[in-house]
PDB file of N, CA and C in Angstrom:
ATOM      1  N   MET A   1      10.808   1.155 -17.095  1.00  0.00           N
ATOM      2  CA  MET A   1       9.637   0.670 -17.796  1.00  0.00           C
ATOM      3  C   MET A   1       8.496   0.508 -16.789  1.00  0.00           C
ATOM      4  N   LEU A   2       7.307   0.883 -17.204  1.00  0.00           N
ATOM      5  CA  LEU A   2       6.133   0.785 -16.338  1.00  0.00           C
ATOM      6  C   LEU A   2       5.794  -0.671 -16.072  1.00  0.00           C
ATOM      7  N   ASP A   3       5.608  -1.006 -14.818  1.00  0.00           N
ATOM      8  CA  ASP A   3       5.240  -2.349 -14.387  1.00  0.00           C
ATOM      9  C   ASP A   3       4.198  -2.194 -13.285  1.00  0.00           C
ATOM     10  N   TYR A   4       3.626  -3.284 -12.830  1.00  0.00           N
ATOM     11  CA  TYR A   4       2.682  -3.206 -11.715  1.00  0.00           C
ATOM     12  C   TYR A   4       2.712  -4.484 -10.900  1.00  0.00           C
ATOM     13  N   ILE A   5       2.214  -4.369  -9.671  1.00  0.00           N
ATOM     14  CA  ILE A   5       2.007  -5.523  -8.806  1.00  0.00           C
ATOM     15  C   ILE A   5       0.555  -5.516  -8.360  1.00  0.00           C
ATOM     16  N   TYR A   6       0.017  -6.708  -8.134  1.00  0.00           N
ATOM     17  CA  TYR A   6      -1.271  -6.844  -7.460  1.00  0.00           C
ATOM     18  C   TYR A   6      -0.983  -6.839  -5.974  1.00  0.00           C
ATOM     19  N   LEU A   7      -1.774  -6.131  -5.207  1.00  0.00           N
ATOM     20  CA  LEU A   7      -1.569  -6.142  -3.766  1.00  0.00           C
ATOM     21  C   LEU A   7      -2.161  -7.385  -3.122  1.00  0.00           C
ATOM     22  N   SER A   8      -2.941  -8.139  -3.848  1.00  0.00           N
ATOM     23  CA  SER A   8      -3.532  -9.424  -3.435  1.00  0.00           C
ATOM     24  C   SER A   8      -4.551  -9.317  -2.300  1.00  0.00           C
ATOM     25  N   GLN A   9      -4.875  -8.120  -1.888  1.00  0.00           N
ATOM     26  CA  GLN A   9      -5.934  -7.930  -0.909  1.00  0.00           C
ATOM     27  C   GLN A   9      -6.466  -6.518  -1.018  1.00  0.00           C
ATOM     28  N   THR A  10      -7.672  -6.333  -0.553  1.00  0.00           N
ATOM     29  CA  THR A  10      -8.273  -5.003  -0.566  1.00  0.00           C
ATOM     30  C   THR A  10      -8.453  -4.457   0.843  1.00  0.00           C
ATOM     31  N   THR A  11      -7.951  -5.203   1.816  1.00  0.00           N
ATOM     32  CA  THR A  11      -7.985  -4.802   3.219  1.00  0.00           C
ATOM     33  C   THR A  11      -6.653  -5.185   3.852  1.00  0.00           C
ATOM     34  N   PRO A  12      -6.360  -4.662   5.043  1.00  0.00           N
ATOM     35  CA  PRO A  12      -5.187  -5.163   5.754  1.00  0.00           C
ATOM     36  C   PRO A  12      -5.306  -6.687   5.953  1.00  0.00           C
ATOM     37  N   CYS A  13      -4.173  -7.375   5.969  1.00  0.00           N
ATOM     38  CA  CYS A  13      -4.189  -8.846   5.921  1.00  0.00           C
ATOM     39  C   CYS A  13      -4.869  -9.522   7.108  1.00  0.00           C
ATOM     40  N   ASP A  14      -4.934  -8.889   8.268  1.00  0.00           N
ATOM     41  CA  ASP A  14      -5.576  -9.503   9.428  1.00  0.00           C
ATOM     42  C   ASP A  14      -7.021  -9.059   9.625  1.00  0.00           C
ATOM     43  N   GLU A  15      -7.599  -8.428   8.618  1.00  0.00           N
ATOM     44  CA  GLU A  15      -8.975  -7.939   8.705  1.00  0.00           C
ATOM     45  C   GLU A  15      -9.873  -8.704   7.733  1.00  0.00           C
ATOM     46  N   PRO A  16     -11.168  -8.829   8.069  1.00  0.00           N
ATOM     47  CA  PRO A  16     -12.100  -9.456   7.128  1.00  0.00           C
ATOM     48  C   PRO A  16     -12.277  -8.568   5.898  1.00  0.00           C
ATOM     49  N   CYS A  17     -12.676  -9.177   4.803  1.00  0.00           N
ATOM     50  CA  CYS A  17     -12.908  -8.408   3.583  1.00  0.00           C
ATOM     51  C   CYS A  17     -14.234  -8.838   2.967  1.00  0.00           C
ATOM     52  N   ALA A  18     -14.717  -8.024   2.040  1.00  0.00           N
ATOM     53  CA  ALA A  18     -15.952  -8.351   1.328  1.00  0.00           C
ATOM     54  C   ALA A  18     -15.748  -9.663   0.573  1.00  0.00           C
ATOM     55  N   GLN A  19     -16.762 -10.507   0.589  1.00  0.00           N
ATOM     56  CA  GLN A  19     -16.680 -11.814  -0.048  1.00  0.00           C
ATOM     57  C   GLN A  19     -17.411 -11.807  -1.378  1.00  0.00           C
ATOM     58  N   LEU A  20     -16.709 -12.196  -2.422  1.00  0.00           N
ATOM     59  CA  LEU A  20     -17.304 -12.278  -3.747  1.00  0.00           C
ATOM     60  C   LEU A  20     -18.550 -13.153  -3.691  1.00  0.00           C
ATOM     61  N   GLY A  21     -19.623 -12.671  -4.263  1.00  0.00           N
ATOM     62  CA  GLY A  21     -20.883 -13.407  -4.255  1.00  0.00           C
ATOM     63  C   GLY A  21     -21.838 -12.952  -3.165  1.00  0.00           C
ATOM     64  N   SER A  22     -21.322 -12.205  -2.174  1.00  0.00           N
ATOM     65  CA  SER A  22     -22.209 -11.710  -1.126  1.00  0.00           C
ATOM     66  C   SER A  22     -23.064 -10.579  -1.696  1.00  0.00           C
ATOM     67  N   GLU A  23     -24.189 -10.356  -1.067  1.00  0.00           N
ATOM     68  CA  GLU A  23     -25.183  -9.395  -1.558  1.00  0.00           C
ATOM     69  C   GLU A  23     -24.610  -7.997  -1.801  1.00  0.00           C
ATOM     70  N   ASP A  24     -23.817  -7.508  -0.877  1.00  0.00           N
ATOM     71  CA  ASP A  24     -23.289  -6.147  -0.972  1.00  0.00           C
ATOM     72  C   ASP A  24     -21.811  -6.133  -1.348  1.00  0.00           C
ATOM     73  N   TYR A  25     -21.355  -7.170  -2.051  1.00  0.00           N
ATOM     74  CA  TYR A  25     -19.919  -7.278  -2.339  1.00  0.00           C
ATOM     75  C   TYR A  25     -19.359  -6.018  -2.986  1.00  0.00           C
ATOM     76  N   MET A  26     -19.913  -5.607  -4.119  1.00  0.00           N
ATOM     77  CA  MET A  26     -19.304  -4.518  -4.885  1.00  0.00           C
ATOM     78  C   MET A  26     -19.283  -3.218  -4.086  1.00  0.00           C
ATOM     79  N   ALA A  27     -20.357  -2.907  -3.374  1.00  0.00           N
ATOM     80  CA  ALA A  27     -20.390  -1.678  -2.575  1.00  0.00           C
ATOM     81  C   ALA A  27     -19.320  -1.718  -1.483  1.00  0.00           C
ATOM     82  N   ASN A  28     -19.236  -2.843  -0.755  1.00  0.00           N
ATOM     83  CA  ASN A  28     -18.233  -2.964   0.303  1.00  0.00           C
ATOM     84  C   ASN A  28     -16.817  -2.996  -0.261  1.00  0.00           C
ATOM     85  N   ALA A  29     -16.610  -3.694  -1.364  1.00  0.00           N
ATOM     86  CA  ALA A  29     -15.275  -3.789  -1.960  1.00  0.00           C
ATOM     87  C   ALA A  29     -14.792  -2.423  -2.436  1.00  0.00           C
ATOM     88  N   ARG A  30     -15.679  -1.620  -3.006  1.00  0.00           N
ATOM     89  CA  ARG A  30     -15.290  -0.271  -3.434  1.00  0.00           C
ATOM     90  C   ARG A  30     -14.849   0.575  -2.241  1.00  0.00           C
ATOM     91  N   ILE A  31     -15.589   0.459  -1.159  1.00  0.00           N
ATOM     92  CA  ILE A  31     -15.244   1.212   0.048  1.00  0.00           C
ATOM     93  C   ILE A  31     -13.882   0.756   0.571  1.00  0.00           C
ATOM     94  N   GLU A  32     -13.706  -0.549   0.734  1.00  0.00           N
ATOM     95  CA  GLU A  32     -12.466  -1.020   1.344  1.00  0.00           C
ATOM     96  C   GLU A  32     -11.244  -0.738   0.469  1.00  0.00           C
ATOM     97  N   THR A  33     -11.372  -0.756  -0.863  1.00  0.00           N
ATOM     98  CA  THR A  33     -10.207  -0.443  -1.700  1.00  0.00           C
ATOM     99  C   THR A  33      -9.775   1.007  -1.514  1.00  0.00           C
ATOM    100  N   ARG A  34     -10.722   1.931  -1.514  1.00  0.00           N
ATOM    101  CA  ARG A  34     -10.378   3.345  -1.349  1.00  0.00           C
ATOM    102  C   ARG A  34      -9.773   3.612   0.031  1.00  0.00           C
ATOM    103  N   VAL A  35     -10.394   3.057   1.056  1.00  0.00           N
ATOM    104  CA  VAL A  35      -9.911   3.287   2.417  1.00  0.00           C
ATOM    105  C   VAL A  35      -8.534   2.650   2.603  1.00  0.00           C
ATOM    106  N   TYR A  36      -8.327   1.474   2.038  1.00  0.00           N
ATOM    107  CA  TYR A  36      -7.030   0.802   2.190  1.00  0.00           C
ATOM    108  C   TYR A  36      -5.915   1.544   1.444  1.00  0.00           C
ATOM    109  N   ILE A  37      -6.185   2.019   0.252  1.00  0.00           N
ATOM    110  CA  ILE A  37      -5.172   2.795  -0.480  1.00  0.00           C
ATOM    111  C   ILE A  37      -4.791   4.032   0.337  1.00  0.00           C
ATOM    112  N   ASP A  38      -5.774   4.708   0.911  1.00  0.00           N
ATOM    113  CA  ASP A  38      -5.485   5.884   1.743  1.00  0.00           C
ATOM    114  C   ASP A  38      -4.640   5.496   2.955  1.00  0.00           C
ATOM    115  N   GLN A  39      -4.933   4.355   3.570  1.00  0.00           N
ATOM    116  CA  GLN A  39      -4.159   3.910   4.728  1.00  0.00           C
ATOM    117  C   GLN A  39      -2.728   3.571   4.315  1.00  0.00           C
ATOM    118  N   LEU A  40      -2.548   2.922   3.174  1.00  0.00           N
ATOM    119  CA  LEU A  40      -1.192   2.631   2.704  1.00  0.00           C
ATOM    120  C   LEU A  40      -0.392   3.925   2.532  1.00  0.00           C
ATOM    121  N   LYS A  41      -1.032   4.949   1.990  1.00  0.00           N
ATOM    122  CA  LYS A  41      -0.346   6.231   1.805  1.00  0.00           C
ATOM    123  C   LYS A  41      -0.014   6.886   3.143  1.00  0.00           C
ATOM    124  N   ARG A  42      -0.895   6.752   4.137  1.00  0.00           N
ATOM    125  CA  ARG A  42      -0.596   7.290   5.468  1.00  0.00           C
ATOM    126  C   ARG A  42       0.546   6.503   6.105  1.00  0.00           C
ATOM    127  N   SER A  43       0.547   5.194   5.914  1.00  0.00           N
ATOM    128  CA  SER A  43       1.543   4.337   6.560  1.00  0.00           C
ATOM    129  C   SER A  43       2.920   4.410   5.917  1.00  0.00           C
ATOM    130  N   PHE A  44       2.966   4.494   4.590  1.00  0.00           N
ATOM    131  CA  PHE A  44       4.237   4.425   3.874  1.00  0.00           C
ATOM    132  C   PHE A  44       4.615   5.725   3.169  1.00  0.00           C
ATOM    133  N   GLY A  45       3.787   6.731   3.298  1.00  0.00           N
ATOM    134  CA  GLY A  45       4.042   8.005   2.635  1.00  0.00           C
ATOM    135  C   GLY A  45       3.359   8.043   1.270  1.00  0.00           C
ATOM    136  N   ILE A  46       3.283   9.232   0.727  1.00  0.00           N
ATOM    137  CA  ILE A  46       2.684   9.418  -0.594  1.00  0.00           C
ATOM    138  C   ILE A  46       3.567   8.706  -1.617  1.00  0.00           C
ATOM    139  N   ASN A  47       2.945   8.028  -2.550  1.00  0.00           N
ATOM    140  CA  ASN A  47       3.707   7.324  -3.582  1.00  0.00           C
ATOM    141  C   ASN A  47       4.514   8.312  -4.429  1.00  0.00           C
ATOM    142  N   PRO A  48       5.684   7.866  -4.905  1.00  0.00           N
ATOM    143  CA  PRO A  48       6.538   8.747  -5.701  1.00  0.00           C
ATOM    144  C   PRO A  48       5.842   9.227  -6.974  1.00  0.00           C
ATOM    145  N   GLU A  49       6.207  10.429  -7.406  1.00  0.00           N
ATOM    146  CA  GLU A  49       5.643  10.993  -8.621  1.00  0.00           C
ATOM    147  C   GLU A  49       5.856  10.027  -9.787  1.00  0.00           C
ATOM    148  N   GLY A  50       4.793   9.816 -10.558  1.00  0.00           N
ATOM    149  CA  GLY A  50       4.852   8.909 -11.705  1.00  0.00           C
ATOM    150  C   GLY A  50       4.387   7.500 -11.391  1.00  0.00           C
ATOM    151  N   SER A  51       4.242   7.166 -10.115  1.00  0.00           N
ATOM    152  CA  SER A  51       3.680   5.872  -9.722  1.00  0.00           C
ATOM    153  C   SER A  51       2.246   6.105  -9.270  1.00  0.00           C
ATOM    154  N   PHE A  52       1.424   5.049  -9.294  1.00  0.00           N
ATOM    155  CA  PHE A  52       0.028   5.243  -8.907  1.00  0.00           C
ATOM    156  C   PHE A  52      -0.647   3.924  -8.557  1.00  0.00           C
ATOM    157  N   PHE A  53      -1.715   4.046  -7.767  1.00  0.00           N
ATOM    158  CA  PHE A  53      -2.588   2.933  -7.426  1.00  0.00           C
ATOM    159  C   PHE A  53      -3.754   2.936  -8.404  1.00  0.00           C
ATOM    160  N   LYS A  54      -4.259   1.751  -8.704  1.00  0.00           N
ATOM    161  CA  LYS A  54      -5.431   1.650  -9.563  1.00  0.00           C
ATOM    162  C   LYS A  54      -6.287   0.483  -9.065  1.00  0.00           C
ATOM    163  N   VAL A  55      -7.578   0.716  -8.953  1.00  0.00           N
ATOM    164  CA  VAL A  55      -8.521  -0.347  -8.615  1.00  0.00           C
ATOM    165  C   VAL A  55      -8.991  -0.955  -9.928  1.00  0.00           C
ATOM    166  N   VAL A  56      -8.877  -2.273 -10.040  1.00  0.00           N
ATOM    167  CA  VAL A  56      -9.243  -2.954 -11.281  1.00  0.00           C
ATOM    168  C   VAL A  56     -10.343  -3.983 -11.022  1.00  0.00           C
ATOM    169  N   ARG A  57     -11.175  -4.168 -12.031  1.00  0.00           N
ATOM    170  CA  ARG A  57     -12.239  -5.173 -11.991  1.00  0.00           C
ATOM    171  C   ARG A  57     -11.688  -6.444 -12.638  1.00  0.00           C
ATOM    172  N   CYS A  58     -11.807  -7.556 -11.943  1.00  0.00           N
ATOM    173  CA  CYS A  58     -11.264  -8.824 -12.419  1.00  0.00           C
ATOM    174  C   CYS A  58     -12.397  -9.832 -12.587  1.00  0.00           C
ATOM    175  N   PRO A  59     -12.705 -10.220 -13.826  1.00  0.00           N
ATOM    176  CA  PRO A  59     -13.775 -11.197 -14.027  1.00  0.00           C
ATOM    177  C   PRO A  59     -13.351 -12.584 -13.535  1.00  0.00           C
ATOM    178  N   HIS A  60     -14.309 -13.301 -12.966  1.00  0.00           N
ATOM    179  CA  HIS A  60     -14.065 -14.640 -12.418  1.00  0.00           C
ATOM    180  C   HIS A  60     -15.324 -15.457 -12.631  1.00  0.00           C
ATOM    181  N   ASP A  61     -15.222 -16.763 -12.584  1.00  0.00           N
ATOM    182  CA  ASP A  61     -16.387 -17.633 -12.743  1.00  0.00           C
ATOM    183  C   ASP A  61     -17.497 -17.303 -11.744  1.00  0.00           C
ATOM    184  N   PHE A  62     -17.124 -16.851 -10.562  1.00  0.00           N
ATOM    185  CA  PHE A  62     -18.103 -16.558  -9.518  1.00  0.00           C
ATOM    186  C   PHE A  62     -18.554 -15.108  -9.517  1.00  0.00           C
ATOM    187  N   GLY A  63     -18.051 -14.299 -10.437  1.00  0.00           N
ATOM    188  CA  GLY A  63     -18.419 -12.894 -10.526  1.00  0.00           C
ATOM    189  C   GLY A  63     -17.185 -12.024 -10.667  1.00  0.00           C
ATOM    190  N   THR A  64     -17.399 -10.746 -10.784  1.00  0.00           N
ATOM    191  CA  THR A  64     -16.291  -9.805 -10.928  1.00  0.00           C
ATOM    192  C   THR A  64     -15.881  -9.305  -9.552  1.00  0.00           C
ATOM    193  N   TYR A  65     -14.582  -9.376  -9.282  1.00  0.00           N
ATOM    194  CA  TYR A  65     -14.078  -8.889  -8.005  1.00  0.00           C
ATOM    195  C   TYR A  65     -13.125  -7.728  -8.245  1.00  0.00           C
ATOM    196  N   LEU A  66     -12.885  -6.955  -7.202  1.00  0.00           N
ATOM    197  CA  LEU A  66     -11.978  -5.820  -7.280  1.00  0.00           C
ATOM    198  C   LEU A  66     -10.622  -6.188  -6.697  1.00  0.00           C
ATOM    199  N   ASP A  67      -9.600  -5.616  -7.279  1.00  0.00           N
ATOM    200  CA  ASP A  67      -8.245  -5.793  -6.781  1.00  0.00           C
ATOM    201  C   ASP A  67      -7.529  -4.459  -6.901  1.00  0.00           C
ATOM    202  N   ILE A  68      -6.444  -4.309  -6.170  1.00  0.00           N
ATOM    203  CA  ILE A  68      -5.648  -3.088  -6.213  1.00  0.00           C
ATOM    204  C   ILE A  68      -4.329  -3.401  -6.909  1.00  0.00           C
ATOM    205  N   ARG A  69      -3.989  -2.568  -7.870  1.00  0.00           N
ATOM    206  CA  ARG A  69      -2.678  -2.650  -8.524  1.00  0.00           C
ATOM    207  C   ARG A  69      -1.893  -1.393  -8.162  1.00  0.00           C
ATOM    208  N   PHE A  70      -0.582  -1.569  -8.079  1.00  0.00           N
ATOM    209  CA  PHE A  70       0.306  -0.426  -7.918  1.00  0.00           C
ATOM    210  C   PHE A  70       1.233  -0.394  -9.124  1.00  0.00           C
ATOM    211  N   TYR A  71       1.166   0.707  -9.878  1.00  0.00           N
ATOM    212  CA  TYR A  71       1.990   0.886 -11.072  1.00  0.00           C
ATOM    213  C   TYR A  71       3.231   1.702 -10.712  1.00  0.00           C
ATOM    214  N   TYR A  72       4.375   1.257 -11.201  1.00  0.00           N
ATOM    215  CA  TYR A  72       5.640   1.908 -10.877  1.00  0.00           C
ATOM    216  C   TYR A  72       6.636   1.710 -12.027  1.00  0.00           C
ATOM    217  N   ASP A  73       7.673   2.526 -12.029  1.00  0.00           N
ATOM    218  CA  ASP A  73       8.740   2.419 -13.015  1.00  0.00           C
ATOM    219  C   ASP A  73       9.806   1.510 -12.416  1.00  0.00           C
ATOM    220  N   ASP A  74      10.010   0.340 -13.023  1.00  0.00           N
ATOM    221  CA  ASP A  74      10.961  -0.622 -12.451  1.00  0.00           C
ATOM    222  C   ASP A  74      12.424  -0.201 -12.611  1.00  0.00           C
ATOM    223  N   GLU A  75      12.671   0.926 -13.260  1.00  0.00           N
ATOM    224  CA  GLU A  75      14.031   1.452 -13.388  1.00  0.00           C
ATOM    225  C   GLU A  75      14.282   2.626 -12.444  1.00  0.00           C
ATOM    226  N   ASP A  76      13.261   3.026 -11.701  1.00  0.00           N
ATOM    227  CA  ASP A  76      13.365   4.129 -10.749  1.00  0.00           C
ATOM    228  C   ASP A  76      13.433   3.530  -9.345  1.00  0.00           C
ATOM    229  N   GLN A  77      14.564   3.699  -8.678  1.00  0.00           N
ATOM    230  CA  GLN A  77      14.766   3.073  -7.369  1.00  0.00           C
ATOM    231  C   GLN A  77      13.803   3.587  -6.303  1.00  0.00           C
ATOM    232  N   LEU A  78      13.370   4.838  -6.391  1.00  0.00           N
ATOM    233  CA  LEU A  78      12.358   5.338  -5.451  1.00  0.00           C
ATOM    234  C   LEU A  78      11.048   4.574  -5.625  1.00  0.00           C
ATOM    235  N   HIS A  79      10.668   4.319  -6.865  1.00  0.00           N
ATOM    236  CA  HIS A  79       9.449   3.564  -7.156  1.00  0.00           C
ATOM    237  C   HIS A  79       9.581   2.139  -6.631  1.00  0.00           C
ATOM    238  N   VAL A  80      10.703   1.504  -6.907  1.00  0.00           N
ATOM    239  CA  VAL A  80      10.917   0.112  -6.499  1.00  0.00           C
ATOM    240  C   VAL A  80      10.924  -0.002  -4.976  1.00  0.00           C
ATOM    241  N   LYS A  81      11.586   0.922  -4.305  1.00  0.00           N
ATOM    242  CA  LYS A  81      11.632   0.907  -2.839  1.00  0.00           C
ATOM    243  C   LYS A  81      10.224   1.056  -2.255  1.00  0.00           C
ATOM    244  N   TYR A  82       9.444   1.974  -2.797  1.00  0.00           N
ATOM    245  CA  TYR A  82       8.077   2.172  -2.326  1.00  0.00           C
ATOM    246  C   TYR A  82       7.228   0.933  -2.592  1.00  0.00           C
ATOM    247  N   MET A  83       7.363   0.363  -3.788  1.00  0.00           N
ATOM    248  CA  MET A  83       6.617  -0.852  -4.141  1.00  0.00           C
ATOM    249  C   MET A  83       6.914  -1.972  -3.146  1.00  0.00           C
ATOM    250  N   MET A  84       8.189  -2.141  -2.814  1.00  0.00           N
ATOM    251  CA  MET A  84       8.559  -3.203  -1.884  1.00  0.00           C
ATOM    252  C   MET A  84       7.979  -2.963  -0.489  1.00  0.00           C
ATOM    253  N   ALA A  85       7.897  -1.709  -0.091  1.00  0.00           N
ATOM    254  CA  ALA A  85       7.331  -1.383   1.222  1.00  0.00           C
ATOM    255  C   ALA A  85       5.837  -1.672   1.262  1.00  0.00           C
ATOM    256  N   ILE A  86       5.096  -1.214   0.259  1.00  0.00           N
ATOM    257  CA  ILE A  86       3.640  -1.406   0.302  1.00  0.00           C
ATOM    258  C   ILE A  86       3.239  -2.846   0.024  1.00  0.00           C
ATOM    259  N   GLU A  87       4.115  -3.606  -0.618  1.00  0.00           N
ATOM    260  CA  GLU A  87       3.807  -5.006  -0.900  1.00  0.00           C
ATOM    261  C   GLU A  87       3.570  -5.785   0.392  1.00  0.00           C
ATOM    262  N   SER A  88       4.263  -5.398   1.456  1.00  0.00           N
ATOM    263  CA  SER A  88       4.044  -6.054   2.751  1.00  0.00           C
ATOM    264  C   SER A  88       2.706  -5.653   3.354  1.00  0.00           C
ATOM    265  N   GLY A  89       2.180  -4.504   2.943  1.00  0.00           N
ATOM    266  CA  GLY A  89       0.860  -4.067   3.380  1.00  0.00           C
ATOM    267  C   GLY A  89       0.777  -3.712   4.849  1.00  0.00           C
ATOM    268  N   CYS A  90      -0.449  -3.636   5.337  1.00  0.00           N
ATOM    269  CA  CYS A  90      -0.746  -3.343   6.735  1.00  0.00           C
ATOM    270  C   CYS A  90      -1.439  -4.567   7.328  1.00  0.00           C
ATOM    271  N   HIS A  91      -1.357  -4.713   8.642  1.00  0.00           N
ATOM    272  CA  HIS A  91      -1.985  -5.865   9.284  1.00  0.00           C
ATOM    273  C   HIS A  91      -3.393  -5.574   9.796  1.00  0.00           C
ATOM    274  N   LYS A  92      -3.615  -4.364  10.252  1.00  0.00           N
ATOM    275  CA  LYS A  92      -4.912  -3.974  10.827  1.00  0.00           C
ATOM    276  C   LYS A  92      -5.334  -2.622  10.293  1.00  0.00           C
ATOM    277  N   TRP A  93      -6.651  -2.364  10.352  1.00  0.00           N
ATOM    278  CA  TRP A  93      -7.136  -1.025  10.037  1.00  0.00           C
ATOM    279  C   TRP A  93      -6.603  -0.072  11.095  1.00  0.00           C
ATOM    280  N   ASP A  94      -6.162   1.125  10.711  1.00  0.00           N
ATOM    281  CA  ASP A  94      -5.799   2.134  11.694  1.00  0.00           C
ATOM    282  C   ASP A  94      -7.065   2.871  12.136  1.00  0.00           C
ATOM    283  N   ASP A  95      -6.946   3.699  13.158  1.00  0.00           N
ATOM    284  CA  ASP A  95      -8.121   4.395  13.706  1.00  0.00           C
ATOM    285  C   ASP A  95      -8.805   5.279  12.669  1.00  0.00           C
ATOM    286  N   HIS A  96      -8.024   5.949  11.847  1.00  0.00           N
ATOM    287  CA  HIS A  96      -8.596   6.814  10.810  1.00  0.00           C
ATOM    288  C   HIS A  96      -9.434   5.980   9.842  1.00  0.00           C
ATOM    289  N   SER A  97      -8.917   4.834   9.434  1.00  0.00           N
ATOM    290  CA  SER A  97      -9.652   3.965   8.501  1.00  0.00           C
ATOM    291  C   SER A  97     -10.919   3.416   9.136  1.00  0.00           C
ATOM    292  N   LYS A  98     -10.843   3.011  10.398  1.00  0.00           N
ATOM    293  CA  LYS A  98     -12.036   2.503  11.081  1.00  0.00           C
ATOM    294  C   LYS A  98     -13.148   3.543  11.084  1.00  0.00           C
ATOM    295  N   LYS A  99     -12.764   4.784  11.369  1.00  0.00           N
ATOM    296  CA  LYS A  99     -13.748   5.870  11.387  1.00  0.00           C
ATOM    297  C   LYS A  99     -14.348   6.059   9.992  1.00  0.00           C
ATOM    298  N   GLU A 100     -13.507   6.044   8.967  1.00  0.00           N
ATOM    299  CA  GLU A 100     -13.993   6.225   7.602  1.00  0.00           C
ATOM    300  C   GLU A 100     -14.898   5.076   7.174  1.00  0.00           C
ATOM    301  N   LEU A 101     -14.574   3.856   7.569  1.00  0.00           N
ATOM    302  CA  LEU A 101     -15.422   2.707   7.233  1.00  0.00           C
ATOM    303  C   LEU A 101     -16.811   2.874   7.836  1.00  0.00           C
ATOM    304  N   VAL A 102     -16.869   3.303   9.089  1.00  0.00           N
ATOM    305  CA  VAL A 102     -18.159   3.533   9.750  1.00  0.00           C
ATOM    306  C   VAL A 102     -18.928   4.631   9.020  1.00  0.00           C
ATOM    307  N   GLU A 103     -18.251   5.724   8.700  1.00  0.00           N
ATOM    308  CA  GLU A 103     -18.912   6.846   8.019  1.00  0.00           C
ATOM    309  C   GLU A 103     -19.470   6.447   6.656  1.00  0.00           C
ATOM    310  N   ARG A 104     -18.841   5.502   6.003  1.00  0.00           N
ATOM    311  CA  ARG A 104     -19.279   5.065   4.670  1.00  0.00           C
ATOM    312  C   ARG A 104     -20.260   3.888   4.732  1.00  0.00           C
ATOM    313  N   ASN A 105     -20.703   3.545   5.935  1.00  0.00           N
ATOM    314  CA  ASN A 105     -21.670   2.447   6.135  1.00  0.00           C
ATOM    315  C   ASN A 105     -21.151   1.113   5.618  1.00  0.00           C
ATOM    316  N   TYR A 106     -19.889   0.841   5.845  1.00  0.00           N
ATOM    317  CA  TYR A 106     -19.249  -0.404   5.429  1.00  0.00           C
ATOM    318  C   TYR A 106     -19.683  -1.556   6.340  1.00  0.00           C
ATOM    319  N   THR A 107     -20.134  -2.618   5.745  1.00  0.00           N
ATOM    320  CA  THR A 107     -20.465  -3.835   6.490  1.00  0.00           C
ATOM    321  C   THR A 107     -19.923  -5.023   5.719  1.00  0.00           C
ATOM    322  N   VAL A 108     -19.541  -6.036   6.439  1.00  0.00           N
ATOM    323  CA  VAL A 108     -19.040  -7.262   5.818  1.00  0.00           C
ATOM    324  C   VAL A 108     -19.735  -8.423   6.495  1.00  0.00           C
ATOM    325  N   LYS A 109     -20.258  -9.322   5.679  1.00  0.00           N
ATOM    326  CA  LYS A 109     -20.911 -10.509   6.235  1.00  0.00           C
ATOM    327  C   LYS A 109     -19.999 -11.708   6.057  1.00  0.00           C
ATOM    328  N   ILE A 110     -19.681 -12.358   7.155  1.00  0.00           N
ATOM    329  CA  ILE A 110     -18.854 -13.555   7.136  1.00  0.00           C
ATOM    330  C   ILE A 110     -19.615 -14.639   7.891  1.00  0.00           C
ATOM    331  N   LEU A 111     -19.895 -15.738   7.221  1.00  0.00           N
ATOM    332  CA  LEU A 111     -20.638 -16.836   7.829  1.00  0.00           C
ATOM    333  C   LEU A 111     -21.926 -16.355   8.476  1.00  0.00           C
ATOM    334  N   ASN A 112     -22.646 -15.501   7.759  1.00  0.00           N
ATOM    335  CA  ASN A 112     -23.924 -14.940   8.198  1.00  0.00           C
ATOM    336  C   ASN A 112     -23.826 -14.069   9.442  1.00  0.00           C
ATOM    337  N   GLU A 113     -22.622 -13.687   9.829  1.00  0.00           N
ATOM    338  CA  GLU A 113     -22.449 -12.789  10.962  1.00  0.00           C
ATOM    339  C   GLU A 113     -22.016 -11.442  10.423  1.00  0.00           C
ATOM    340  N   GLU A 114     -22.723 -10.404  10.761  1.00  0.00           N
ATOM    341  CA  GLU A 114     -22.358  -9.088  10.272  1.00  0.00           C
ATOM    342  C   GLU A 114     -21.295  -8.508  11.158  1.00  0.00           C
ATOM    343  N   ILE A 115     -20.207  -8.068  10.517  1.00  0.00           N
ATOM    344  CA  ILE A 115     -19.094  -7.482  11.238  1.00  0.00           C
ATOM    345  C   ILE A 115     -19.173  -5.978  11.053  1.00  0.00           C
ATOM    346  N   GLY A 116     -19.179  -5.242  12.131  1.00  0.00           N
ATOM    347  CA  GLY A 116     -19.173  -3.785  12.032  1.00  0.00           C
ATOM    348  C   GLY A 116     -17.981  -3.237  12.794  1.00  0.00           C
ATOM    349  N   PHE A 117     -17.714  -1.993  12.605  1.00  0.00           N
ATOM    350  CA  PHE A 117     -16.598  -1.359  13.277  1.00  0.00           C
ATOM    351  C   PHE A 117     -17.117  -0.262  14.159  1.00  0.00           C
ATOM    352  N   THR A 118     -16.518  -0.129  15.322  1.00  0.00           N
ATOM    353  CA  THR A 118     -16.855   0.987  16.192  1.00  0.00           C
ATOM    354  C   THR A 118     -15.554   1.721  16.525  1.00  0.00           C
ATOM    355  N   CYS A 119     -15.656   2.997  16.697  1.00  0.00           N
ATOM    356  CA  CYS A 119     -14.458   3.801  16.995  1.00  0.00           C
ATOM    357  C   CYS A 119     -14.345   4.016  18.491  1.00  0.00           C
TER     358      CYS A 119
END
């Protein structure tokens, strides 16, 4: 049966992320979700046939934020194994992702300090 998990982050867990309510939130969040999904696929392999990632818009009192869901068949052990692997996520951006973030003009403001990436 088709099921899904929220990845609970749109970036690797030890990296800053776009903050809901910030001026460029949606633009930065869109960039980081795409780049992070690509990094997960590089790190854990291509997801099994029939499973997929989806970026979803989640309404909240403070605005709409983006989240990543992974859809899988809970009766298919390949799907479940992959889901369990990606659930742990990545800790840092890899070099390929850092380069892509720079190319896409990704910026994140945290406490009025602009964080940029250099390769």
